[in-house]
């Protein structure tokens, strides 16, 4: 994946995040990693992505500390890719994209996958952004405090 301009100089956290994981394949690899996919071949079969693109995205995700490459858990000669703590922190991003897609990209009653609790099988509730005091927040309740150049 060709990295964009020096994203480390970008003062916007959204821009830095999009530069890193805003690519379709990178996000779908992370999604599949949350679903338990660990091996190159399994990512490729599930995503239908070209080997060279998959290899590039996996390498980038490992270099950026989102995934870690480790020997296969079954003792075979394969490598496995597992989410790091940094990668695990992308869970709310993936769920937010899922919820947005469910709300805006499916016709009423159109079937789609559902995120459920592992322990109960019950659907997961809505995401809500909350203030430190627990109050639910919307976009109109917030603003971005910009940093001064060079600060």
N, C-alpha and C. Protein backbone atom coordinates (compact mmCIF):
# COMPACT_ATOMS: atom_id res chain seq x y z
N UNK A 1 0.86 -1.17 0.00
CA UNK A 1 0.00 0.00 0.00
C UNK A 1 0.89 1.23 0.00
N UNK A 2 0.73 2.08 -0.95
CA UNK A 2 1.52 3.30 -1.01
C UNK A 2 1.07 4.22 0.12
N UNK A 3 1.99 4.55 0.99
CA UNK A 3 1.65 5.44 2.10
C UNK A 3 1.54 6.84 1.56
N UNK A 4 0.58 7.56 2.07
CA UNK A 4 0.37 8.93 1.65
C UNK A 4 1.46 9.82 2.22
N UNK A 5 1.31 11.12 2.07
CA UNK A 5 2.28 12.07 2.61
C UNK A 5 2.64 11.70 4.05
N UNK A 6 3.59 12.34 4.59
CA UNK A 6 4.02 12.03 5.96
C UNK A 6 2.88 12.28 6.93
N UNK A 7 2.11 11.20 7.21
CA UNK A 7 0.94 11.34 8.06
C UNK A 7 1.29 11.70 9.48
N UNK A 8 2.52 11.47 9.90
CA UNK A 8 2.91 11.81 11.26
C UNK A 8 2.93 13.33 11.47
N UNK A 9 3.01 14.09 10.38
CA UNK A 9 2.98 15.55 10.48
C UNK A 9 1.54 16.07 10.49
N UNK A 10 0.59 15.24 10.19
CA UNK A 10 -0.82 15.64 10.13
C UNK A 10 -1.36 15.85 11.55
N UNK A 11 -1.91 17.04 11.84
CA UNK A 11 -2.40 17.28 13.21
C UNK A 11 -3.78 16.69 13.50
N UNK A 12 -4.44 16.09 12.51
CA UNK A 12 -5.79 15.56 12.70
C UNK A 12 -5.73 14.05 12.94
N UNK A 13 -6.25 13.58 14.08
CA UNK A 13 -6.25 12.14 14.35
C UNK A 13 -7.06 11.33 13.33
N UNK A 14 -8.13 11.91 12.80
CA UNK A 14 -8.93 11.20 11.80
C UNK A 14 -8.10 10.99 10.54
N UNK A 15 -7.40 12.02 10.08
CA UNK A 15 -6.57 11.91 8.88
C UNK A 15 -5.47 10.87 9.08
N UNK A 16 -4.83 10.86 10.24
CA UNK A 16 -3.79 9.86 10.50
C UNK A 16 -4.37 8.45 10.49
N UNK A 17 -5.52 8.30 11.12
CA UNK A 17 -6.15 6.98 11.15
C UNK A 17 -6.56 6.49 9.77
N UNK A 18 -7.14 7.38 8.96
CA UNK A 18 -7.56 7.02 7.61
C UNK A 18 -6.34 6.70 6.75
N UNK A 19 -5.25 7.43 6.92
CA UNK A 19 -4.04 7.13 6.17
C UNK A 19 -3.55 5.71 6.48
N UNK A 20 -3.79 5.24 7.67
CA UNK A 20 -3.31 3.93 8.08
C UNK A 20 -4.30 2.81 7.76
N UNK A 21 -5.54 2.94 8.17
CA UNK A 21 -6.50 1.83 8.02
C UNK A 21 -7.72 2.20 7.19
N UNK A 22 -7.67 3.29 6.45
CA UNK A 22 -8.81 3.72 5.65
C UNK A 22 -8.95 2.99 4.34
N UNK A 23 -8.03 2.12 4.03
CA UNK A 23 -8.08 1.31 2.82
C UNK A 23 -9.07 0.16 2.99
N UNK A 24 -9.84 -0.15 1.96
CA UNK A 24 -10.84 -1.22 2.02
C UNK A 24 -10.23 -2.52 2.54
N UNK A 25 -9.11 -2.93 1.95
CA UNK A 25 -8.54 -4.23 2.31
C UNK A 25 -8.01 -4.23 3.74
N UNK A 26 -7.40 -3.15 4.18
CA UNK A 26 -6.89 -3.10 5.55
C UNK A 26 -8.03 -3.26 6.55
N UNK A 27 -9.12 -2.55 6.33
CA UNK A 27 -10.26 -2.66 7.25
C UNK A 27 -10.90 -4.04 7.22
N UNK A 28 -11.01 -4.62 6.04
CA UNK A 28 -11.61 -5.94 5.96
C UNK A 28 -10.72 -7.02 6.57
N UNK A 29 -9.41 -6.86 6.47
CA UNK A 29 -8.48 -7.78 7.14
C UNK A 29 -8.67 -7.67 8.65
N UNK A 30 -8.76 -6.45 9.16
CA UNK A 30 -8.98 -6.26 10.60
C UNK A 30 -10.32 -6.86 11.00
N UNK A 31 -11.36 -6.62 10.21
CA UNK A 31 -12.68 -7.21 10.50
C UNK A 31 -12.57 -8.72 10.59
N UNK A 32 -11.91 -9.34 9.60
CA UNK A 32 -11.78 -10.80 9.60
C UNK A 32 -10.93 -11.29 10.77
N UNK A 33 -9.92 -10.52 11.16
CA UNK A 33 -9.11 -10.91 12.32
C UNK A 33 -9.98 -10.94 13.57
N UNK A 34 -10.90 -9.99 13.72
CA UNK A 34 -11.84 -10.02 14.84
C UNK A 34 -12.72 -11.26 14.79
N UNK A 35 -12.99 -11.76 13.58
CA UNK A 35 -13.81 -12.95 13.42
C UNK A 35 -13.00 -14.24 13.54
N UNK A 36 -11.72 -14.12 13.87
CA UNK A 36 -10.90 -15.30 14.12
C UNK A 36 -10.05 -15.78 12.98
N UNK A 37 -10.04 -15.08 11.85
CA UNK A 37 -9.18 -15.47 10.74
C UNK A 37 -7.73 -15.15 11.14
N UNK A 38 -6.81 -16.08 10.87
CA UNK A 38 -5.42 -15.89 11.30
C UNK A 38 -4.40 -16.17 10.20
N UNK A 39 -4.75 -16.97 9.22
CA UNK A 39 -3.76 -17.39 8.23
C UNK A 39 -3.97 -16.69 6.89
N UNK A 40 -2.84 -16.49 6.20
CA UNK A 40 -2.84 -15.82 4.90
C UNK A 40 -3.88 -16.43 3.97
N UNK A 41 -3.84 -17.74 3.80
CA UNK A 41 -4.76 -18.41 2.88
C UNK A 41 -6.21 -18.21 3.25
N UNK A 42 -6.49 -18.19 4.54
CA UNK A 42 -7.87 -17.98 4.99
C UNK A 42 -8.33 -16.55 4.72
N UNK A 43 -7.42 -15.57 4.94
CA UNK A 43 -7.76 -14.19 4.59
C UNK A 43 -8.04 -14.11 3.09
N UNK A 44 -7.18 -14.72 2.29
CA UNK A 44 -7.32 -14.63 0.84
C UNK A 44 -8.62 -15.27 0.37
N UNK A 45 -8.93 -16.45 0.86
CA UNK A 45 -10.18 -17.12 0.46
C UNK A 45 -11.40 -16.31 0.87
N UNK A 46 -11.39 -15.79 2.08
CA UNK A 46 -12.54 -15.05 2.57
C UNK A 46 -12.76 -13.71 1.88
N UNK A 47 -11.65 -13.05 1.56
CA UNK A 47 -11.75 -11.71 0.98
C UNK A 47 -11.74 -11.71 -0.55
N UNK A 48 -11.14 -12.74 -1.15
CA UNK A 48 -11.02 -12.76 -2.61
C UNK A 48 -10.05 -11.71 -3.12
N UNK A 49 -9.08 -11.33 -2.30
CA UNK A 49 -8.11 -10.30 -2.65
C UNK A 49 -6.88 -10.95 -3.30
N UNK A 50 -6.24 -10.23 -4.21
CA UNK A 50 -5.02 -10.73 -4.85
C UNK A 50 -3.93 -10.94 -3.79
N UNK A 51 -3.10 -11.97 -4.01
CA UNK A 51 -2.04 -12.31 -3.05
C UNK A 51 -1.12 -11.14 -2.77
N UNK A 52 -0.72 -10.42 -3.82
CA UNK A 52 0.24 -9.31 -3.62
C UNK A 52 -0.37 -8.19 -2.79
N UNK A 53 -1.64 -7.91 -2.99
CA UNK A 53 -2.31 -6.86 -2.21
C UNK A 53 -2.45 -7.31 -0.77
N UNK A 54 -2.87 -8.55 -0.57
CA UNK A 54 -3.02 -9.08 0.78
C UNK A 54 -1.67 -9.07 1.51
N UNK A 55 -0.62 -9.51 0.84
CA UNK A 55 0.71 -9.53 1.46
C UNK A 55 1.14 -8.11 1.85
N UNK A 56 0.86 -7.15 0.98
CA UNK A 56 1.23 -5.75 1.26
C UNK A 56 0.46 -5.22 2.48
N UNK A 57 -0.85 -5.46 2.53
CA UNK A 57 -1.65 -4.95 3.65
C UNK A 57 -1.27 -5.64 4.95
N UNK A 58 -1.06 -6.95 4.92
CA UNK A 58 -0.65 -7.65 6.14
C UNK A 58 0.70 -7.13 6.64
N UNK A 59 1.63 -6.93 5.72
CA UNK A 59 2.96 -6.40 6.10
C UNK A 59 2.81 -5.02 6.75
N UNK A 60 1.99 -4.16 6.15
CA UNK A 60 1.78 -2.82 6.70
C UNK A 60 1.13 -2.89 8.08
N UNK A 61 0.11 -3.74 8.23
CA UNK A 61 -0.58 -3.86 9.51
C UNK A 61 0.34 -4.40 10.60
N UNK A 62 1.26 -5.27 10.23
CA UNK A 62 2.25 -5.77 11.19
C UNK A 62 3.26 -4.67 11.51
N UNK A 63 3.77 -3.98 10.49
CA UNK A 63 4.74 -2.89 10.71
C UNK A 63 4.15 -1.80 11.60
N UNK A 64 2.87 -1.53 11.48
CA UNK A 64 2.22 -0.48 12.26
C UNK A 64 1.74 -0.97 13.63
N UNK A 65 1.95 -2.24 13.92
CA UNK A 65 1.61 -2.76 15.24
C UNK A 65 0.14 -3.06 15.44
N UNK A 66 -0.62 -3.21 14.37
CA UNK A 66 -2.04 -3.53 14.46
C UNK A 66 -2.22 -5.05 14.52
N UNK A 67 -1.42 -5.75 13.75
CA UNK A 67 -1.36 -7.21 13.79
C UNK A 67 0.04 -7.62 14.19
N UNK A 68 0.15 -8.81 14.75
CA UNK A 68 1.45 -9.43 15.01
C UNK A 68 1.48 -10.74 14.25
N UNK A 69 2.64 -11.06 13.71
CA UNK A 69 2.85 -12.33 13.02
C UNK A 69 3.54 -13.27 14.00
N UNK A 70 3.03 -14.48 14.10
CA UNK A 70 3.61 -15.43 15.04
C UNK A 70 3.51 -16.83 14.45
N UNK A 71 4.30 -17.77 14.97
CA UNK A 71 4.19 -19.15 14.48
C UNK A 71 2.78 -19.68 14.71
N UNK A 72 2.34 -20.55 13.81
CA UNK A 72 0.99 -21.11 13.90
C UNK A 72 0.80 -21.85 15.22
N UNK A 73 -0.38 -21.71 15.78
CA UNK A 73 -0.68 -22.32 17.08
C UNK A 73 -0.73 -23.85 17.02
N UNK A 74 -0.88 -24.41 15.80
CA UNK A 74 -0.95 -25.87 15.68
C UNK A 74 0.42 -26.51 15.46
N UNK A 75 1.48 -25.70 15.51
CA UNK A 75 2.83 -26.22 15.36
C UNK A 75 3.26 -26.41 13.92
N UNK A 76 2.40 -26.09 12.96
CA UNK A 76 2.77 -26.22 11.55
C UNK A 76 3.75 -25.11 11.16
N UNK A 77 4.22 -25.16 9.94
CA UNK A 77 5.21 -24.18 9.47
C UNK A 77 4.57 -22.84 9.10
N UNK A 78 3.26 -22.72 9.20
CA UNK A 78 2.56 -21.50 8.83
C UNK A 78 2.77 -20.39 9.86
N UNK A 79 2.53 -19.18 9.41
CA UNK A 79 2.48 -18.02 10.30
C UNK A 79 1.03 -17.67 10.52
N UNK A 80 0.74 -17.09 11.64
CA UNK A 80 -0.60 -16.59 11.93
C UNK A 80 -0.52 -15.11 12.23
N UNK A 81 -1.59 -14.41 11.93
CA UNK A 81 -1.70 -12.98 12.21
C UNK A 81 -2.74 -12.80 13.30
N UNK A 82 -2.34 -12.13 14.37
CA UNK A 82 -3.25 -11.89 15.49
C UNK A 82 -3.29 -10.40 15.80
N UNK A 83 -4.43 -9.96 16.25
CA UNK A 83 -4.58 -8.55 16.62
C UNK A 83 -3.77 -8.25 17.87
N UNK A 84 -3.07 -7.13 17.85
CA UNK A 84 -2.37 -6.63 19.03
C UNK A 84 -3.36 -5.80 19.84
N UNK A 85 -2.91 -5.25 20.95
CA UNK A 85 -3.77 -4.34 21.72
C UNK A 85 -4.17 -3.14 20.86
N UNK A 86 -3.23 -2.64 20.08
CA UNK A 86 -3.53 -1.52 19.17
C UNK A 86 -4.60 -1.93 18.16
N UNK A 87 -4.51 -3.14 17.65
CA UNK A 87 -5.51 -3.65 16.72
C UNK A 87 -6.85 -3.86 17.39
N UNK A 88 -6.84 -4.39 18.62
CA UNK A 88 -8.08 -4.60 19.36
C UNK A 88 -8.82 -3.28 19.58
N UNK A 89 -8.06 -2.19 19.69
CA UNK A 89 -8.68 -0.88 19.88
C UNK A 89 -9.47 -0.42 18.67
N UNK A 90 -9.34 -1.11 17.54
CA UNK A 90 -10.13 -0.77 16.35
C UNK A 90 -11.54 -1.38 16.39
N UNK A 91 -11.84 -2.19 17.39
CA UNK A 91 -13.15 -2.83 17.47
C UNK A 91 -14.31 -1.83 17.39
N UNK A 92 -14.30 -0.75 18.16
CA UNK A 92 -15.42 0.20 18.04
C UNK A 92 -15.53 0.82 16.65
N UNK A 93 -14.41 0.97 15.95
CA UNK A 93 -14.43 1.53 14.59
C UNK A 93 -15.15 0.56 13.66
N UNK A 94 -14.80 -0.72 13.75
CA UNK A 94 -15.43 -1.74 12.91
C UNK A 94 -16.93 -1.82 13.23
N UNK A 95 -17.27 -1.81 14.51
CA UNK A 95 -18.69 -1.90 14.90
C UNK A 95 -19.44 -0.65 14.43
N UNK A 96 -18.83 0.52 14.54
CA UNK A 96 -19.50 1.75 14.07
C UNK A 96 -19.76 1.68 12.57
N UNK A 97 -18.80 1.20 11.78
CA UNK A 97 -19.01 1.05 10.34
C UNK A 97 -20.12 0.04 10.06
N UNK A 98 -20.13 -1.05 10.83
CA UNK A 98 -21.18 -2.06 10.70
C UNK A 98 -22.55 -1.44 10.94
N UNK A 99 -22.68 -0.72 12.05
CA UNK A 99 -23.97 -0.13 12.41
C UNK A 99 -24.43 0.88 11.36
N UNK A 100 -23.49 1.69 10.86
CA UNK A 100 -23.83 2.66 9.83
C UNK A 100 -24.30 1.94 8.57
N UNK A 101 -23.57 0.87 8.19
CA UNK A 101 -23.96 0.09 7.01
C UNK A 101 -25.33 -0.55 7.17
N UNK A 102 -25.61 -1.10 8.35
CA UNK A 102 -26.92 -1.70 8.61
C UNK A 102 -28.03 -0.66 8.46
N UNK A 103 -27.77 0.51 8.98
CA UNK A 103 -28.78 1.56 8.99
C UNK A 103 -29.03 2.17 7.61
N UNK A 104 -27.96 2.31 6.81
CA UNK A 104 -28.09 3.09 5.58
C UNK A 104 -27.90 2.32 4.27
N UNK A 105 -27.41 1.09 4.32
CA UNK A 105 -27.08 0.41 3.08
C UNK A 105 -27.88 -0.86 2.81
N UNK A 106 -28.85 -1.15 3.66
CA UNK A 106 -29.70 -2.31 3.48
C UNK A 106 -31.15 -1.86 3.44
N UNK A 107 -31.92 -2.48 2.56
CA UNK A 107 -33.36 -2.20 2.51
C UNK A 107 -34.01 -2.78 3.76
N UNK A 108 -35.13 -2.22 4.19
CA UNK A 108 -35.84 -2.78 5.35
C UNK A 108 -36.12 -4.27 5.13
N UNK A 109 -35.75 -5.09 6.11
CA UNK A 109 -35.96 -6.53 6.03
C UNK A 109 -34.93 -7.29 5.23
N UNK A 110 -34.01 -6.57 4.57
CA UNK A 110 -32.97 -7.27 3.80
C UNK A 110 -32.02 -7.98 4.77
N UNK A 111 -31.78 -9.26 4.54
CA UNK A 111 -30.92 -10.01 5.47
C UNK A 111 -29.46 -9.55 5.42
N UNK A 112 -28.82 -9.58 6.57
CA UNK A 112 -27.39 -9.27 6.69
C UNK A 112 -26.86 -9.94 7.94
N UNK A 113 -25.55 -9.99 8.05
CA UNK A 113 -24.95 -10.59 9.24
C UNK A 113 -25.28 -9.73 10.46
N UNK A 114 -25.22 -10.34 11.63
CA UNK A 114 -25.58 -9.65 12.87
C UNK A 114 -24.47 -9.88 13.89
N UNK A 115 -24.07 -8.83 14.57
CA UNK A 115 -23.08 -8.93 15.64
C UNK A 115 -23.79 -9.38 16.91
N UNK A 116 -23.34 -10.50 17.48
CA UNK A 116 -23.98 -11.05 18.67
C UNK A 116 -22.95 -11.29 19.77
N UNK A 117 -23.44 -11.34 20.99
CA UNK A 117 -22.59 -11.65 22.14
C UNK A 117 -22.18 -13.11 22.08
N UNK A 118 -20.91 -13.36 22.29
CA UNK A 118 -20.39 -14.73 22.26
C UNK A 118 -21.01 -15.60 23.36
N UNK A 119 -21.23 -15.03 24.55
CA UNK A 119 -21.71 -15.83 25.68
C UNK A 119 -23.20 -16.12 25.65
N UNK A 120 -23.99 -15.25 24.98
CA UNK A 120 -25.45 -15.44 25.00
C UNK A 120 -26.06 -15.63 23.62
N UNK A 121 -25.36 -15.22 22.56
CA UNK A 121 -25.93 -15.28 21.22
C UNK A 121 -26.92 -14.17 20.93
N UNK A 122 -27.09 -13.26 21.89
CA UNK A 122 -28.02 -12.15 21.72
C UNK A 122 -27.37 -11.03 20.90
N UNK A 123 -28.17 -10.34 20.06
CA UNK A 123 -27.61 -9.21 19.30
C UNK A 123 -27.04 -8.13 20.21
N UNK A 124 -25.96 -7.52 19.76
CA UNK A 124 -25.33 -6.43 20.50
C UNK A 124 -26.16 -5.17 20.29
N UNK A 125 -26.31 -4.37 21.34
CA UNK A 125 -27.08 -3.13 21.26
C UNK A 125 -26.36 -2.05 20.46
N UNK A 126 -27.01 -0.93 20.37
CA UNK A 126 -26.47 0.22 19.63
C UNK A 126 -25.24 0.79 20.32
N UNK A 127 -24.36 1.37 19.51
CA UNK A 127 -23.22 2.10 20.05
C UNK A 127 -23.69 3.49 20.45
N UNK A 128 -23.10 4.01 21.49
CA UNK A 128 -23.42 5.38 21.90
C UNK A 128 -22.16 6.05 22.41
N UNK A 129 -21.91 7.23 21.93
CA UNK A 129 -20.81 8.04 22.43
C UNK A 129 -21.30 8.73 23.69
N UNK A 130 -20.54 8.61 24.76
CA UNK A 130 -20.97 9.17 26.04
C UNK A 130 -19.89 10.08 26.62
N UNK A 131 -20.33 11.11 27.28
CA UNK A 131 -19.43 12.01 28.01
C UNK A 131 -18.94 11.27 29.26
N UNK A 132 -17.96 11.83 29.93
CA UNK A 132 -17.41 11.22 31.15
C UNK A 132 -18.49 11.02 32.21
N UNK A 133 -19.53 11.85 32.20
CA UNK A 133 -20.60 11.71 33.20
C UNK A 133 -21.71 10.76 32.75
N UNK A 134 -21.53 10.09 31.59
CA UNK A 134 -22.49 9.11 31.12
C UNK A 134 -23.56 9.64 30.19
N UNK A 135 -23.60 10.94 29.96
CA UNK A 135 -24.61 11.53 29.08
C UNK A 135 -24.29 11.17 27.63
N UNK A 136 -25.32 10.70 26.89
CA UNK A 136 -25.15 10.38 25.48
C UNK A 136 -24.91 11.67 24.69
N UNK A 137 -23.97 11.60 23.73
CA UNK A 137 -23.60 12.77 22.94
C UNK A 137 -23.87 12.52 21.46
N UNK A 138 -24.25 13.59 20.76
CA UNK A 138 -24.38 13.54 19.30
C UNK A 138 -23.36 14.53 18.73
N UNK A 139 -23.29 14.58 17.41
CA UNK A 139 -22.34 15.48 16.76
C UNK A 139 -22.58 16.94 17.15
N UNK A 140 -23.83 17.31 17.36
CA UNK A 140 -24.13 18.71 17.71
C UNK A 140 -23.71 19.05 19.14
N UNK A 141 -23.40 18.03 19.94
CA UNK A 141 -22.98 18.26 21.32
C UNK A 141 -21.47 18.38 21.47
N UNK A 142 -20.74 18.25 20.37
CA UNK A 142 -19.28 18.25 20.43
C UNK A 142 -18.69 19.20 19.40
N UNK A 143 -17.43 19.53 19.58
CA UNK A 143 -16.66 20.23 18.57
C UNK A 143 -15.20 19.82 18.72
N UNK A 144 -14.39 20.10 17.72
CA UNK A 144 -12.98 19.75 17.75
C UNK A 144 -12.19 20.99 18.12
N UNK A 145 -11.40 20.88 19.18
CA UNK A 145 -10.52 21.97 19.56
C UNK A 145 -9.22 21.77 18.79
N UNK A 146 -8.95 22.66 17.85
CA UNK A 146 -7.77 22.57 16.99
C UNK A 146 -6.52 22.97 17.78
N UNK A 147 -5.40 22.36 17.40
CA UNK A 147 -4.13 22.74 18.00
C UNK A 147 -3.48 23.80 17.12
N UNK A 148 -2.76 24.67 17.75
CA UNK A 148 -2.06 25.71 17.00
C UNK A 148 -0.89 25.09 16.25
N UNK A 149 -0.62 25.55 15.03
CA UNK A 149 0.53 25.02 14.29
C UNK A 149 1.80 25.15 15.11
N UNK A 150 2.57 24.07 15.13
CA UNK A 150 3.83 24.08 15.85
C UNK A 150 3.69 23.85 17.36
N UNK A 151 2.45 23.65 17.83
CA UNK A 151 2.24 23.45 19.28
C UNK A 151 2.53 22.04 19.69
